[in-house]
C-alpha atoms as a PDB file:
ATOM      1  CA  MET A   1     -72.419 -64.394 -19.374  1.00  0.00           C
ATOM      2  CA  HIS A   2     -73.117 -66.981 -22.083  1.00  0.00           C
ATOM      3  CA  GLU A   3     -73.998 -66.198 -25.662  1.00  0.00           C
ATOM      4  CA  PRO A   4     -77.732 -66.342 -26.528  1.00  0.00           C
ATOM      5  CA  VAL A   5     -78.955 -69.613 -28.014  1.00  0.00           C
ATOM      6  CA  HIS A   6     -81.423 -67.669 -30.177  1.00  0.00           C
ATOM      7  CA  THR A   7     -81.845 -64.008 -31.157  1.00  0.00           C
ATOM      8  CA  GLU A   8     -84.851 -62.602 -32.960  1.00  0.00           C
ATOM      9  CA  THR A   9     -86.052 -59.086 -33.811  1.00  0.00           C
ATOM     10  CA  VAL A  10     -89.777 -58.383 -33.504  1.00  0.00           C
ATOM     11  CA  GLY A  11     -90.735 -54.836 -34.408  1.00  0.00           C
ATOM     12  CA  ASN A  12     -88.570 -52.509 -32.303  1.00  0.00           C
ATOM     13  CA  TYR A  13     -87.599 -55.288 -29.863  1.00  0.00           C
ATOM     14  CA  VAL A  14     -84.621 -57.644 -29.900  1.00  0.00           C
ATOM     15  CA  ILE A  15     -85.419 -60.923 -28.144  1.00  0.00           C
ATOM     16  CA  LYS A  16     -82.485 -62.963 -26.836  1.00  0.00           C
ATOM     17  CA  ILE A  17     -82.953 -66.429 -25.358  1.00  0.00           C
ATOM     18  CA  PHE A  18     -80.290 -67.732 -22.989  1.00  0.00           C
ATOM     19  CA  GLN A  19     -79.867 -71.215 -21.538  1.00  0.00           C
ATOM     20  CA  ASP A  20     -80.192 -71.228 -17.745  1.00  0.00           C
ATOM     21  CA  CYS A  21     -77.410 -73.551 -16.552  1.00  0.00           C
ATOM     22  CA  ASP A  22     -78.302 -73.033 -12.890  1.00  0.00           C
ATOM     23  CA  ALA A  23     -82.085 -73.462 -12.944  1.00  0.00           C
ATOM     24  CA  GLU A  24     -83.957 -74.526  -9.797  1.00  0.00           C
ATOM     25  CA  SER A  25     -86.294 -77.483  -9.923  1.00  0.00           C
ATOM     26  CA  PRO A  26     -89.924 -76.295  -9.819  1.00  0.00           C
ATOM     27  CA  ARG A  27     -90.852 -79.546  -8.045  1.00  0.00           C
ATOM     28  CA  HIS A  28     -88.641 -78.929  -4.979  1.00  0.00           C
ATOM     29  CA  ARG A  29     -89.881 -75.560  -3.726  1.00  0.00           C
ATOM     30  CA  ASP A  30     -91.252 -75.489  -0.196  1.00  0.00           C
ATOM     31  CA  TYR A  31     -94.239 -73.274  -0.986  1.00  0.00           C
ATOM     32  CA  ASP A  32     -95.496 -74.990  -4.139  1.00  0.00           C
ATOM     33  CA  SER A  33     -97.717 -78.044  -4.250  1.00  0.00           C
ATOM     34  CA  ASN A  34     -97.530 -80.439  -7.171  1.00  0.00           C
ATOM     35  CA  LEU A  35    -100.626 -81.377  -9.127  1.00  0.00           C
ATOM     36  CA  GLY A  36     -99.324 -84.846  -9.865  1.00  0.00           C
ATOM     37  CA  THR A  37     -96.529 -87.328  -9.369  1.00  0.00           C
ATOM     38  CA  ILE A  38     -93.765 -88.134 -11.822  1.00  0.00           C
ATOM     39  CA  TYR A  39     -93.108 -91.863 -12.030  1.00  0.00           C
ATOM     40  CA  HIS A  40     -89.873 -92.565 -13.891  1.00  0.00           C
ATOM     41  CA  THR A  41     -87.137 -95.080 -14.582  1.00  0.00           C
ATOM     42  CA  HIS A  42     -84.294 -92.592 -15.178  1.00  0.00           C
ATOM     43  CA  SER A  43     -81.108 -93.761 -13.470  1.00  0.00           C
ATOM     44  CA  ARG A  44     -79.268 -90.417 -13.166  1.00  0.00           C
ATOM     45  CA  TYR A  45     -82.010 -88.028 -11.991  1.00  0.00           C
ATOM     46  CA  ASP A  46     -84.333 -87.839  -9.006  1.00  0.00           C
ATOM     47  CA  LEU A  47     -87.452 -86.525 -10.741  1.00  0.00           C
ATOM     48  CA  SER A  48     -89.962 -87.809  -8.182  1.00  0.00           C
ATOM     49  CA  GLU A  49     -90.915 -91.461  -7.742  1.00  0.00           C
ATOM     50  CA  HIS A  50     -88.426 -93.959  -9.208  1.00  0.00           C
ATOM     51  CA  MET A  51     -90.213 -97.197 -10.158  1.00  0.00           C
ATOM     52  CA  ASP A  52     -89.825-100.343 -12.201  1.00  0.00           C
ATOM     53  CA  ILE A  53     -91.165-100.012 -15.765  1.00  0.00           C
ATOM     54  CA  ASP A  54     -93.730-102.787 -15.165  1.00  0.00           C
ATOM     55  CA  ASP A  55     -95.159-100.898 -12.155  1.00  0.00           C
ATOM     56  CA  ILE A  56     -95.397 -97.715 -14.209  1.00  0.00           C
ATOM     57  CA  GLN A  57     -97.159 -99.571 -17.018  1.00  0.00           C
ATOM     58  CA  ALA A  58     -99.693-100.938 -14.511  1.00  0.00           C
ATOM     59  CA  ILE A  59    -100.500 -97.371 -13.391  1.00  0.00           C
ATOM     60  CA  VAL A  60    -100.847 -96.194 -17.003  1.00  0.00           C
ATOM     61  CA  ASN A  61    -103.235 -99.063 -17.769  1.00  0.00           C
ATOM     62  CA  ASP A  62    -105.391 -98.478 -14.641  1.00  0.00           C
ATOM     63  CA  SER A  63    -108.477 -96.450 -15.619  1.00  0.00           C
ATOM     64  CA  LYS A  64    -108.785 -94.767 -12.199  1.00  0.00           C
ATOM     65  CA  TYR A  65    -105.651 -92.683 -12.920  1.00  0.00           C
ATOM     66  CA  PHE A  66    -105.239 -89.838 -15.391  1.00  0.00           C
ATOM     67  CA  THR A  67    -101.789 -90.151 -16.943  1.00  0.00           C
ATOM     68  CA  LEU A  68     -99.713 -88.002 -19.261  1.00  0.00           C
ATOM     69  CA  PRO A  69     -96.400 -88.843 -20.923  1.00  0.00           C
ATOM     70  CA  LEU A  70     -93.290 -87.004 -19.776  1.00  0.00           C
ATOM     71  CA  TYR A  71     -90.530 -86.093 -22.193  1.00  0.00           C
ATOM     72  CA  MET A  72     -87.090 -84.800 -21.307  1.00  0.00           C
ATOM     73  CA  LYS A  73     -84.487 -83.058 -23.416  1.00  0.00           C
ATOM     74  CA  GLU A  74     -81.139 -83.022 -21.664  1.00  0.00           C
ATOM     75  CA  PHE A  75     -78.645 -80.225 -22.288  1.00  0.00           C
ATOM     76  CA  ILE A  76     -75.079 -80.276 -21.061  1.00  0.00           C
ATOM     77  CA  CYS A  77     -73.774 -76.855 -19.976  1.00  0.00           C
ATOM     78  CA  ASN A  78     -70.097 -76.129 -20.332  1.00  0.00           C
END
């Protein structure tokens, strides 16, 4: 097992946070439905719909769609 990335004591409890290097994608489960679609330009990941940046910008600028930014922090597990 890996070492915790963070340990904290709260009252009588010791909280240890571990990095999950084998996490499942929450967007690829058979029984879940997704509330929205991820449009992206990332070249190494299949997050949902890969599109050209100009097409994504057109969707963001269209007032009939509700859009939110998506941020990603990539960790490399050893």
